[in-house]
Amino acid sequence: MRYTVPYGGRRLDQIARETLRSERGGTVEAILTANPGLATLLDGATVPAGTSIEIPETYRPAKSGRRVLAWE
């Protein structure tokens, strides 16, 4: 799936949340892996407006080992 960044740019974590429904579990890294050279275009963490990027459709989040509760 192709995604074109809207006017004003968008942070990479926001793109991951919008397209992959999460910014966690390696989603940002999966987008960077699917788009070699994307990291060089970033202005901080923001992808410039008009940039067309490939969103990996077969991405599966990494399984976490153990859950840690806040009070532990």
Protein backbone atom coordinates (compact mmCIF):
# COMPACT_ATOMS: atom_id res chain seq x y z
CA MET A 1 0.00 0.00 0.00
CA ARG A 2 1.29 3.47 -0.87
CA TYR A 3 0.81 6.39 1.50
CA THR A 4 1.36 10.01 0.53
CA VAL A 5 2.18 12.35 3.39
CA PRO A 6 -0.36 15.21 3.61
CA TYR A 7 0.33 18.95 3.67
CA GLY A 8 2.47 20.04 6.60
CA GLY A 9 4.25 16.68 6.93
CA ARG A 10 3.57 13.96 9.45
CA ARG A 11 5.64 12.26 12.14
CA LEU A 12 6.61 8.71 11.36
CA ASP A 13 4.93 7.37 14.50
CA GLN A 14 1.68 9.09 13.47
CA ILE A 15 1.88 7.46 10.03
CA ALA A 16 2.41 4.06 11.69
CA ARG A 17 -0.58 4.58 14.00
CA GLU A 18 -2.81 5.72 11.13
CA THR A 19 -1.86 2.97 8.67
CA LEU A 20 -0.82 0.01 10.86
CA ARG A 21 -3.07 0.87 13.83
CA SER A 22 -0.11 1.16 16.24
CA GLU A 23 3.15 3.02 16.67
CA ARG A 24 4.56 0.22 18.84
CA GLY A 25 5.87 -3.29 18.32
CA GLY A 26 8.31 -2.35 15.58
CA THR A 27 5.84 -0.62 13.25
CA VAL A 28 8.05 2.45 12.73
CA GLU A 29 11.04 0.21 12.06
CA ALA A 30 8.98 -1.86 9.58
CA ILE A 31 8.11 1.30 7.62
CA LEU A 32 11.76 2.39 7.60
CA THR A 33 12.83 -1.09 6.43
CA ALA A 34 10.26 -1.05 3.60
CA ASN A 35 11.51 2.38 2.47
CA PRO A 36 15.30 2.47 2.14
CA GLY A 37 16.47 6.09 2.21
CA LEU A 38 13.40 7.39 4.04
CA ALA A 39 15.44 8.15 7.16
CA THR A 40 17.56 10.61 5.16
CA LEU A 41 14.44 12.59 4.21
CA LEU A 42 13.23 13.04 7.79
CA ASP A 43 13.29 16.48 9.35
CA GLY A 44 13.66 15.30 12.94
CA ALA A 45 10.93 12.67 13.08
CA THR A 46 8.73 14.37 10.46
CA VAL A 47 8.30 13.04 6.94
CA PRO A 48 7.97 15.96 4.48
CA ALA A 49 4.62 16.60 2.78
CA GLY A 50 4.19 14.94 -0.59
CA THR A 51 6.54 12.05 0.21
CA SER A 52 5.15 8.76 -1.04
CA ILE A 53 6.07 5.79 1.14
CA GLU A 54 5.37 2.06 1.02
CA ILE A 55 3.43 0.66 3.99
CA PRO A 56 4.21 -3.04 4.60
CA GLU A 57 0.93 -4.93 4.34
CA THR A 58 2.26 -8.18 5.77
CA TYR A 59 3.66 -6.63 8.95
CA ARG A 60 3.08 -8.56 12.16
CA PRO A 61 4.04 -6.94 15.48
CA ALA A 62 6.87 -8.49 17.43
CA LYS A 63 5.65 -10.64 20.28
CA SER A 64 6.69 -9.34 23.65
CA GLY A 65 7.96 -11.79 26.19
CA ARG A 66 6.73 -10.89 29.63
CA ARG A 67 4.28 -8.22 30.69
CA VAL A 68 5.49 -5.88 33.37
CA LEU A 69 2.93 -4.12 35.52
CA ALA A 70 3.53 -0.53 36.60
CA TRP A 71 3.72 -1.46 40.27
CA GLU A 72 6.28 -4.24 39.82
